[in-house]
């Protein structure tokens, strides 16, 4: 889960860049089960990406920063925080 803020004027461009980033990562790394982008308010956004395996996530963490789509998407973001959790119960 990645939380960040953007200038509200960049909201539509963020959506375009997020879609490009998801597509690029899916092409480079297998196992991205879902990628969601949501907002808490006009400035605060959250990206939630769910992977089929911890190995897929680890590979993506190595590959994604090297992709130009990642650079473009995060160029709009500030105050970025990343949280990762280990699933201990799934129903």
PDB file of N, CA and C in Angstrom:
ATOM      1  N   UNK A   1       0.850  -1.163   0.000  1.00  0.00           N
ATOM      2  CA  UNK A   1       0.000   0.000   0.000  1.00  0.00           C
ATOM      3  C   UNK A   1       0.897   1.228   0.000  1.00  0.00           C
ATOM      4  N   UNK A   2       0.619   2.144  -0.894  1.00  0.00           N
ATOM      5  CA  UNK A   2       1.398   3.374  -1.000  1.00  0.00           C
ATOM      6  C   UNK A   2       0.470   4.564  -0.806  1.00  0.00           C
ATOM      7  N   UNK A   3       0.814   5.415   0.124  1.00  0.00           N
ATOM      8  CA  UNK A   3       0.021   6.610   0.409  1.00  0.00           C
ATOM      9  C   UNK A   3       0.851   7.812  -0.009  1.00  0.00           C
ATOM     10  N   UNK A   4       0.200   8.801  -0.631  1.00  0.00           N
ATOM     11  CA  UNK A   4       0.926   9.969  -1.112  1.00  0.00           C
ATOM     12  C   UNK A   4      -0.047  11.123  -1.318  1.00  0.00           C
ATOM     13  N   UNK A   5       0.499  12.299  -1.518  1.00  0.00           N
ATOM     14  CA  UNK A   5      -0.321  13.460  -1.835  1.00  0.00           C
ATOM     15  C   UNK A   5       0.069  13.976  -3.212  1.00  0.00           C
ATOM     16  N   UNK A   6      -0.893  14.636  -3.860  1.00  0.00           N
ATOM     17  CA  UNK A   6      -0.666  15.262  -5.159  1.00  0.00           C
ATOM     18  C   UNK A   6      -1.369  16.606  -5.184  1.00  0.00           C
ATOM     19  N   UNK A   7      -1.013  17.412  -6.142  1.00  0.00           N
ATOM     20  CA  UNK A   7      -1.745  18.643  -6.416  1.00  0.00           C
ATOM     21  C   UNK A   7      -3.079  18.220  -7.035  1.00  0.00           C
ATOM     22  N   UNK A   8      -4.218  18.678  -6.522  1.00  0.00           N
ATOM     23  CA  UNK A   8      -5.505  18.272  -7.083  1.00  0.00           C
ATOM     24  C   UNK A   8      -5.626  18.511  -8.595  1.00  0.00           C
ATOM     25  N   UNK A   9      -4.907  19.481  -9.114  1.00  0.00           N
ATOM     26  CA  UNK A   9      -4.940  19.743 -10.553  1.00  0.00           C
ATOM     27  C   UNK A   9      -4.333  18.594 -11.359  1.00  0.00           C
ATOM     28  N   UNK A  10      -3.562  17.724 -10.705  1.00  0.00           N
ATOM     29  CA  UNK A  10      -2.904  16.602 -11.380  1.00  0.00           C
ATOM     30  C   UNK A  10      -3.692  15.296 -11.298  1.00  0.00           C
ATOM     31  N   UNK A  11      -4.897  15.325 -10.782  1.00  0.00           N
ATOM     32  CA  UNK A  11      -5.653  14.095 -10.531  1.00  0.00           C
ATOM     33  C   UNK A  11      -5.860  13.268 -11.797  1.00  0.00           C
ATOM     34  N   UNK A  12      -6.295  13.871 -12.858  1.00  0.00           N
ATOM     35  CA  UNK A  12      -6.545  13.101 -14.081  1.00  0.00           C
ATOM     36  C   UNK A  12      -5.242  12.564 -14.663  1.00  0.00           C
ATOM     37  N   UNK A  13      -4.199  13.365 -14.636  1.00  0.00           N
ATOM     38  CA  UNK A  13      -2.894  12.904 -15.135  1.00  0.00           C
ATOM     39  C   UNK A  13      -2.365  11.757 -14.275  1.00  0.00           C
ATOM     40  N   UNK A  14      -2.596  11.807 -12.980  1.00  0.00           N
ATOM     41  CA  UNK A  14      -2.187  10.711 -12.105  1.00  0.00           C
ATOM     42  C   UNK A  14      -2.872   9.420 -12.524  1.00  0.00           C
ATOM     43  N   UNK A  15      -4.145   9.480 -12.812  1.00  0.00           N
ATOM     44  CA  UNK A  15      -4.882   8.281 -13.225  1.00  0.00           C
ATOM     45  C   UNK A  15      -4.305   7.699 -14.514  1.00  0.00           C
ATOM     46  N   UNK A  16      -3.955   8.557 -15.443  1.00  0.00           N
ATOM     47  CA  UNK A  16      -3.361   8.100 -16.705  1.00  0.00           C
ATOM     48  C   UNK A  16      -2.003   7.445 -16.444  1.00  0.00           C
ATOM     49  N   UNK A  17      -1.186   8.098 -15.635  1.00  0.00           N
ATOM     50  CA  UNK A  17       0.149   7.570 -15.348  1.00  0.00           C
ATOM     51  C   UNK A  17       0.094   6.291 -14.517  1.00  0.00           C
ATOM     52  N   UNK A  18      -0.864   6.210 -13.610  1.00  0.00           N
ATOM     53  CA  UNK A  18      -1.033   4.989 -12.817  1.00  0.00           C
ATOM     54  C   UNK A  18      -1.389   3.822 -13.734  1.00  0.00           C
ATOM     55  N   UNK A  19      -2.306   4.040 -14.658  1.00  0.00           N
ATOM     56  CA  UNK A  19      -2.695   2.981 -15.597  1.00  0.00           C
ATOM     57  C   UNK A  19      -1.495   2.521 -16.425  1.00  0.00           C
ATOM     58  N   UNK A  20      -0.674   3.458 -16.864  1.00  0.00           N
ATOM     59  CA  UNK A  20       0.524   3.112 -17.636  1.00  0.00           C
ATOM     60  C   UNK A  20       1.510   2.314 -16.781  1.00  0.00           C
ATOM     61  N   UNK A  21       1.656   2.696 -15.519  1.00  0.00           N
ATOM     62  CA  UNK A  21       2.553   1.989 -14.615  1.00  0.00           C
ATOM     63  C   UNK A  21       2.062   0.561 -14.362  1.00  0.00           C
ATOM     64  N   UNK A  22       0.796   0.396 -14.112  1.00  0.00           N
ATOM     65  CA  UNK A  22       0.234  -0.939 -13.891  1.00  0.00           C
ATOM     66  C   UNK A  22       0.476  -1.815 -15.114  1.00  0.00           C
ATOM     67  N   UNK A  23       0.216  -1.291 -16.278  1.00  0.00           N
ATOM     68  CA  UNK A  23       0.417  -2.046 -17.514  1.00  0.00           C
ATOM     69  C   UNK A  23       1.880  -2.446 -17.692  1.00  0.00           C
ATOM     70  N   UNK A  24       2.788  -1.520 -17.441  1.00  0.00           N
ATOM     71  CA  UNK A  24       4.220  -1.797 -17.587  1.00  0.00           C
ATOM     72  C   UNK A  24       4.689  -2.862 -16.597  1.00  0.00           C
ATOM     73  N   UNK A  25       4.239  -2.765 -15.357  1.00  0.00           N
ATOM     74  CA  UNK A  25       4.648  -3.742 -14.350  1.00  0.00           C
ATOM     75  C   UNK A  25       4.060  -5.109 -14.670  1.00  0.00           C
ATOM     76  N   UNK A  26       2.813  -5.144 -15.091  1.00  0.00           N
ATOM     77  CA  UNK A  26       2.204  -6.437 -15.456  1.00  0.00           C
ATOM     78  C   UNK A  26       2.954  -7.088 -16.617  1.00  0.00           C
ATOM     79  N   UNK A  27       3.446  -6.291 -17.538  1.00  0.00           N
ATOM     80  CA  UNK A  27       4.210  -6.821 -18.668  1.00  0.00           C
ATOM     81  C   UNK A  27       5.567  -7.360 -18.236  1.00  0.00           C
ATOM     82  N   UNK A  28       6.144  -6.764 -17.203  1.00  0.00           N
ATOM     83  CA  UNK A  28       7.496  -7.123 -16.770  1.00  0.00           C
ATOM     84  C   UNK A  28       7.535  -8.193 -15.683  1.00  0.00           C
ATOM     85  N   UNK A  29       6.494  -8.250 -14.856  1.00  0.00           N
ATOM     86  CA  UNK A  29       6.512  -9.141 -13.691  1.00  0.00           C
ATOM     87  C   UNK A  29       5.172  -9.873 -13.600  1.00  0.00           C
ATOM     88  N   UNK A  30       5.188 -11.194 -13.619  1.00  0.00           N
ATOM     89  CA  UNK A  30       3.922 -11.918 -13.466  1.00  0.00           C
ATOM     90  C   UNK A  30       3.424 -11.884 -12.018  1.00  0.00           C
ATOM     91  N   UNK A  31       2.108 -11.993 -11.869  1.00  0.00           N
ATOM     92  CA  UNK A  31       1.548 -12.183 -10.533  1.00  0.00           C
ATOM     93  C   UNK A  31       0.850 -11.004  -9.902  1.00  0.00           C
ATOM     94  N   UNK A  32       0.675  -9.897 -10.616  1.00  0.00           N
ATOM     95  CA  UNK A  32      -0.066  -8.772 -10.038  1.00  0.00           C
ATOM     96  C   UNK A  32      -1.554  -9.101 -10.129  1.00  0.00           C
ATOM     97  N   UNK A  33      -2.156  -9.422  -8.996  1.00  0.00           N
ATOM     98  CA  UNK A  33      -3.556  -9.846  -8.955  1.00  0.00           C
ATOM     99  C   UNK A  33      -4.521  -8.673  -9.133  1.00  0.00           C
ATOM    100  N   UNK A  34      -4.191  -7.547  -8.520  1.00  0.00           N
ATOM    101  CA  UNK A  34      -5.025  -6.351  -8.682  1.00  0.00           C
ATOM    102  C   UNK A  34      -4.235  -5.123  -8.281  1.00  0.00           C
ATOM    103  N   UNK A  35      -4.601  -4.013  -8.906  1.00  0.00           N
ATOM    104  CA  UNK A  35      -3.995  -2.721  -8.581  1.00  0.00           C
ATOM    105  C   UNK A  35      -5.124  -1.710  -8.494  1.00  0.00           C
ATOM    106  N   UNK A  36      -5.251  -1.117  -7.343  1.00  0.00           N
ATOM    107  CA  UNK A  36      -6.325  -0.142  -7.114  1.00  0.00           C
ATOM    108  C   UNK A  36      -5.729   1.205  -6.759  1.00  0.00           C
ATOM    109  N   UNK A  37      -6.380   2.233  -7.222  1.00  0.00           N
ATOM    110  CA  UNK A  37      -5.994   3.605  -6.905  1.00  0.00           C
ATOM    111  C   UNK A  37      -7.219   4.300  -6.347  1.00  0.00           C
ATOM    112  N   UNK A  38      -7.075   4.884  -5.171  1.00  0.00           N
ATOM    113  CA  UNK A  38      -8.196   5.573  -4.546  1.00  0.00           C
ATOM    114  C   UNK A  38      -7.736   6.854  -3.890  1.00  0.00           C
ATOM    115  N   UNK A  39      -8.685   7.666  -3.519  1.00  0.00           N
ATOM    116  CA  UNK A  39      -8.323   8.915  -2.847  1.00  0.00           C
ATOM    117  C   UNK A  39      -9.116   9.074  -1.565  1.00  0.00           C
ATOM    118  N   UNK A  40      -8.446   9.673  -0.586  1.00  0.00           N
ATOM    119  CA  UNK A  40      -9.088   9.972   0.689  1.00  0.00           C
ATOM    120  C   UNK A  40      -9.712  11.354   0.664  1.00  0.00           C
ATOM    121  N   UNK A  41      -9.055  12.257  -0.056  1.00  0.00           N
ATOM    122  CA  UNK A  41      -9.558  13.604  -0.283  1.00  0.00           C
ATOM    123  C   UNK A  41      -8.905  14.095  -1.575  1.00  0.00           C
ATOM    124  N   UNK A  42      -9.059  15.351  -1.910  1.00  0.00           N
ATOM    125  CA  UNK A  42      -8.537  15.847  -3.185  1.00  0.00           C
ATOM    126  C   UNK A  42      -7.019  15.753  -3.302  1.00  0.00           C
ATOM    127  N   UNK A  43      -6.313  15.717  -2.192  1.00  0.00           N
ATOM    128  CA  UNK A  43      -4.855  15.675  -2.227  1.00  0.00           C
ATOM    129  C   UNK A  43      -4.258  14.328  -1.822  1.00  0.00           C
ATOM    130  N   UNK A  44      -4.933  13.564  -1.004  1.00  0.00           N
ATOM    131  CA  UNK A  44      -4.372  12.337  -0.438  1.00  0.00           C
ATOM    132  C   UNK A  44      -4.903  11.110  -1.173  1.00  0.00           C
ATOM    133  N   UNK A  45      -3.975  10.335  -1.710  1.00  0.00           N
ATOM    134  CA  UNK A  45      -4.306   9.168  -2.519  1.00  0.00           C
ATOM    135  C   UNK A  45      -3.630   7.927  -1.941  1.00  0.00           C
ATOM    136  N   UNK A  46      -4.194   6.751  -2.279  1.00  0.00           N
ATOM    137  CA  UNK A  46      -3.622   5.476  -1.859  1.00  0.00           C
ATOM    138  C   UNK A  46      -3.647   4.521  -3.049  1.00  0.00           C
ATOM    139  N   UNK A  47      -2.515   3.876  -3.276  1.00  0.00           N
ATOM    140  CA  UNK A  47      -2.425   2.807  -4.259  1.00  0.00           C
ATOM    141  C   UNK A  47      -2.292   1.491  -3.516  1.00  0.00           C
ATOM    142  N   UNK A  48      -3.126   0.525  -3.864  1.00  0.00           N
ATOM    143  CA  UNK A  48      -3.072  -0.788  -3.237  1.00  0.00           C
ATOM    144  C   UNK A  48      -2.873  -1.820  -4.346  1.00  0.00           C
ATOM    145  N   UNK A  49      -1.742  -2.488  -4.275  1.00  0.00           N
ATOM    146  CA  UNK A  49      -1.422  -3.533  -5.252  1.00  0.00           C
ATOM    147  C   UNK A  49      -1.364  -4.852  -4.504  1.00  0.00           C
ATOM    148  N   UNK A  50      -2.072  -5.851  -5.020  1.00  0.00           N
ATOM    149  CA  UNK A  50      -2.090  -7.172  -4.386  1.00  0.00           C
ATOM    150  C   UNK A  50      -1.410  -8.164  -5.318  1.00  0.00           C
ATOM    151  N   UNK A  51      -0.471  -8.887  -4.749  1.00  0.00           N
ATOM    152  CA  UNK A  51       0.329  -9.839  -5.511  1.00  0.00           C
ATOM    153  C   UNK A  51      -0.067 -11.264  -5.161  1.00  0.00           C
ATOM    154  N   UNK A  52       0.078 -12.167  -6.119  1.00  0.00           N
ATOM    155  CA  UNK A  52      -0.221 -13.574  -5.898  1.00  0.00           C
ATOM    156  C   UNK A  52       0.800 -14.229  -4.977  1.00  0.00           C
ATOM    157  N   UNK A  53       2.006 -13.650  -4.914  1.00  0.00           N
ATOM    158  CA  UNK A  53       3.036 -14.238  -4.060  1.00  0.00           C
ATOM    159  C   UNK A  53       3.993 -13.155  -3.562  1.00  0.00           C
ATOM    160  N   UNK A  54       4.666 -13.457  -2.465  1.00  0.00           N
ATOM    161  CA  UNK A  54       5.681 -12.538  -1.944  1.00  0.00           C
ATOM    162  C   UNK A  54       6.841 -12.415  -2.916  1.00  0.00           C
ATOM    163  N   UNK A  55       7.129 -13.484  -3.649  1.00  0.00           N
ATOM    164  CA  UNK A  55       8.211 -13.451  -4.627  1.00  0.00           C
ATOM    165  C   UNK A  55       7.894 -12.469  -5.756  1.00  0.00           C
ATOM    166  N   UNK A  56       6.654 -12.461  -6.226  1.00  0.00           N
ATOM    167  CA  UNK A  56       6.243 -11.512  -7.265  1.00  0.00           C
ATOM    168  C   UNK A  56       6.384 -10.080  -6.790  1.00  0.00           C
ATOM    169  N   UNK A  57       5.974  -9.833  -5.558  1.00  0.00           N
ATOM    170  CA  UNK A  57       6.121  -8.497  -4.975  1.00  0.00           C
ATOM    171  C   UNK A  57       7.588  -8.096  -4.918  1.00  0.00           C
ATOM    172  N   UNK A  58       8.440  -8.993  -4.473  1.00  0.00           N
ATOM    173  CA  UNK A  58       9.863  -8.688  -4.368  1.00  0.00           C
ATOM    174  C   UNK A  58      10.460  -8.370  -5.739  1.00  0.00           C
ATOM    175  N   UNK A  59      10.105  -9.147  -6.730  1.00  0.00           N
ATOM    176  CA  UNK A  59      10.599  -8.884  -8.090  1.00  0.00           C
ATOM    177  C   UNK A  59      10.109  -7.530  -8.581  1.00  0.00           C
ATOM    178  N   UNK A  60       8.857  -7.227  -8.329  1.00  0.00           N
ATOM    179  CA  UNK A  60       8.304  -5.943  -8.750  1.00  0.00           C
ATOM    180  C   UNK A  60       9.010  -4.779  -8.066  1.00  0.00           C
ATOM    181  N   UNK A  61       9.358  -4.941  -6.797  1.00  0.00           N
ATOM    182  CA  UNK A  61      10.075  -3.884  -6.066  1.00  0.00           C
ATOM    183  C   UNK A  61      11.456  -3.628  -6.671  1.00  0.00           C
ATOM    184  N   UNK A  62      12.018  -4.638  -7.302  1.00  0.00           N
ATOM    185  CA  UNK A  62      13.311  -4.472  -7.958  1.00  0.00           C
ATOM    186  C   UNK A  62      13.158  -3.885  -9.361  1.00  0.00           C
ATOM    187  N   UNK A  63      12.112  -4.287 -10.077  1.00  0.00           N
ATOM    188  CA  UNK A  63      11.920  -3.889 -11.471  1.00  0.00           C
ATOM    189  C   UNK A  63      11.231  -2.531 -11.608  1.00  0.00           C
ATOM    190  N   UNK A  64      10.186  -2.309 -10.839  1.00  0.00           N
ATOM    191  CA  UNK A  64       9.354  -1.111 -11.014  1.00  0.00           C
ATOM    192  C   UNK A  64      10.137   0.203 -10.973  1.00  0.00           C
ATOM    193  N   UNK A  65      11.060   0.391 -10.043  1.00  0.00           N
ATOM    194  CA  UNK A  65      11.771   1.678 -10.004  1.00  0.00           C
ATOM    195  C   UNK A  65      12.619   1.960 -11.246  1.00  0.00           C
ATOM    196  N   UNK A  66      12.931   0.922 -12.013  1.00  0.00           N
ATOM    197  CA  UNK A  66      13.746   1.106 -13.220  1.00  0.00           C
ATOM    198  C   UNK A  66      12.904   1.466 -14.430  1.00  0.00           C
ATOM    199  N   UNK A  67      11.601   1.409 -14.307  1.00  0.00           N
ATOM    200  CA  UNK A  67      10.701   1.673 -15.433  1.00  0.00           C
ATOM    201  C   UNK A  67      10.409   3.170 -15.546  1.00  0.00           C
ATOM    202  N   UNK A  68      10.420   3.713 -16.762  1.00  0.00           N
ATOM    203  CA  UNK A  68      10.097   5.132 -16.928  1.00  0.00           C
ATOM    204  C   UNK A  68       8.674   5.470 -16.486  1.00  0.00           C
ATOM    205  N   UNK A  69       7.774   4.504 -16.559  1.00  0.00           N
ATOM    206  CA  UNK A  69       6.392   4.735 -16.112  1.00  0.00           C
ATOM    207  C   UNK A  69       6.330   4.984 -14.615  1.00  0.00           C
ATOM    208  N   UNK A  70       7.209   4.355 -13.880  1.00  0.00           N
ATOM    209  CA  UNK A  70       7.274   4.574 -12.430  1.00  0.00           C
ATOM    210  C   UNK A  70       7.774   5.979 -12.126  1.00  0.00           C
ATOM    211  N   UNK A  71       8.822   6.370 -12.811  1.00  0.00           N
ATOM    212  CA  UNK A  71       9.356   7.730 -12.632  1.00  0.00           C
ATOM    213  C   UNK A  71       8.293   8.771 -12.947  1.00  0.00           C
ATOM    214  N   UNK A  72       7.567   8.556 -14.037  1.00  0.00           N
ATOM    215  CA  UNK A  72       6.526   9.514 -14.440  1.00  0.00           C
ATOM    216  C   UNK A  72       5.402   9.582 -13.412  1.00  0.00           C
ATOM    217  N   UNK A  73       4.956   8.425 -12.927  1.00  0.00           N
ATOM    218  CA  UNK A  73       3.854   8.413 -11.966  1.00  0.00           C
ATOM    219  C   UNK A  73       4.255   9.080 -10.658  1.00  0.00           C
ATOM    220  N   UNK A  74       5.439   8.752 -10.152  1.00  0.00           N
ATOM    221  CA  UNK A  74       5.851   9.293  -8.860  1.00  0.00           C
ATOM    222  C   UNK A  74       6.350  10.734  -8.947  1.00  0.00           C
ATOM    223  N   UNK A  75       6.539  11.241 -10.157  1.00  0.00           N
ATOM    224  CA  UNK A  75       6.909  12.653 -10.307  1.00  0.00           C
ATOM    225  C   UNK A  75       5.784  13.571  -9.822  1.00  0.00           C
ATOM    226  N   UNK A  76       4.569  13.074  -9.829  1.00  0.00           N
ATOM    227  CA  UNK A  76       3.425  13.866  -9.367  1.00  0.00           C
ATOM    228  C   UNK A  76       3.214  13.778  -7.859  1.00  0.00           C
ATOM    229  N   UNK A  77       3.845  12.793  -7.226  1.00  0.00           N
ATOM    230  CA  UNK A  77       3.573  12.498  -5.819  1.00  0.00           C
ATOM    231  C   UNK A  77       4.578  13.157  -4.885  1.00  0.00           C
ATOM    232  N   UNK A  78       4.091  13.452  -3.682  1.00  0.00           N
ATOM    233  CA  UNK A  78       4.961  13.930  -2.604  1.00  0.00           C
ATOM    234  C   UNK A  78       4.486  13.273  -1.308  1.00  0.00           C
ATOM    235  N   UNK A  79       5.307  13.341  -0.284  1.00  0.00           N
ATOM    236  CA  UNK A  79       4.975  12.731   1.009  1.00  0.00           C
ATOM    237  C   UNK A  79       4.601  11.254   0.847  1.00  0.00           C
ATOM    238  N   UNK A  80       5.404  10.521   0.114  1.00  0.00           N
ATOM    239  CA  UNK A  80       5.125   9.114  -0.187  1.00  0.00           C
ATOM    240  C   UNK A  80       5.525   8.227   0.992  1.00  0.00           C
ATOM    241  N   UNK A  81       4.596   7.367   1.406  1.00  0.00           N
ATOM    242  CA  UNK A  81       4.895   6.344   2.407  1.00  0.00           C
ATOM    243  C   UNK A  81       4.419   4.996   1.863  1.00  0.00           C
ATOM    244  N   UNK A  82       5.179   3.956   2.164  1.00  0.00           N
ATOM    245  CA  UNK A  82       4.856   2.617   1.694  1.00  0.00           C
ATOM    246  C   UNK A  82       4.695   1.698   2.900  1.00  0.00           C
ATOM    247  N   UNK A  83       3.652   0.892   2.865  1.00  0.00           N
ATOM    248  CA  UNK A  83       3.427  -0.100   3.910  1.00  0.00           C
ATOM    249  C   UNK A  83       3.244  -1.446   3.248  1.00  0.00           C
ATOM    250  N   UNK A  84       3.837  -2.458   3.860  1.00  0.00           N
ATOM    251  CA  UNK A  84       3.691  -3.823   3.369  1.00  0.00           C
ATOM    252  C   UNK A  84       3.251  -4.682   4.533  1.00  0.00           C
ATOM    253  N   UNK A  85       2.300  -5.544   4.281  1.00  0.00           N
ATOM    254  CA  UNK A  85       1.848  -6.406   5.361  1.00  0.00           C
ATOM    255  C   UNK A  85       1.963  -7.857   4.946  1.00  0.00           C
ATOM    256  N   UNK A  86       2.102  -8.692   5.935  1.00  0.00           N
ATOM    257  CA  UNK A  86       2.101 -10.134   5.731  1.00  0.00           C
ATOM    258  C   UNK A  86       0.698 -10.624   6.052  1.00  0.00           C
ATOM    259  N   UNK A  87       0.105 -11.345   5.113  1.00  0.00           N
ATOM    260  CA  UNK A  87      -1.235 -11.897   5.324  1.00  0.00           C
ATOM    261  C   UNK A  87      -1.123 -13.053   6.319  1.00  0.00           C
ATOM    262  N   UNK A  88      -1.863 -12.988   7.407  1.00  0.00           N
ATOM    263  CA  UNK A  88      -1.829 -14.050   8.415  1.00  0.00           C
ATOM    264  C   UNK A  88      -3.152 -14.817   8.487  1.00  0.00           C
ATOM    265  N   UNK A  89      -4.198 -14.270   7.904  1.00  0.00           N
ATOM    266  CA  UNK A  89      -5.487 -14.941   7.882  1.00  0.00           C
ATOM    267  C   UNK A  89      -6.260 -14.431   6.673  1.00  0.00           C
ATOM    268  N   UNK A  90      -6.776 -15.343   5.902  1.00  0.00           N
ATOM    269  CA  UNK A  90      -7.538 -14.976   4.711  1.00  0.00           C
ATOM    270  C   UNK A  90      -8.791 -15.825   4.658  1.00  0.00           C
ATOM    271  N   UNK A  91      -9.917 -15.195   4.518  1.00  0.00           N
ATOM    272  CA  UNK A  91     -11.192 -15.941   4.505  1.00  0.00           C
ATOM    273  C   UNK A  91     -11.966 -15.655   3.248  1.00  0.00           C
TER     274      UNK A  91
END
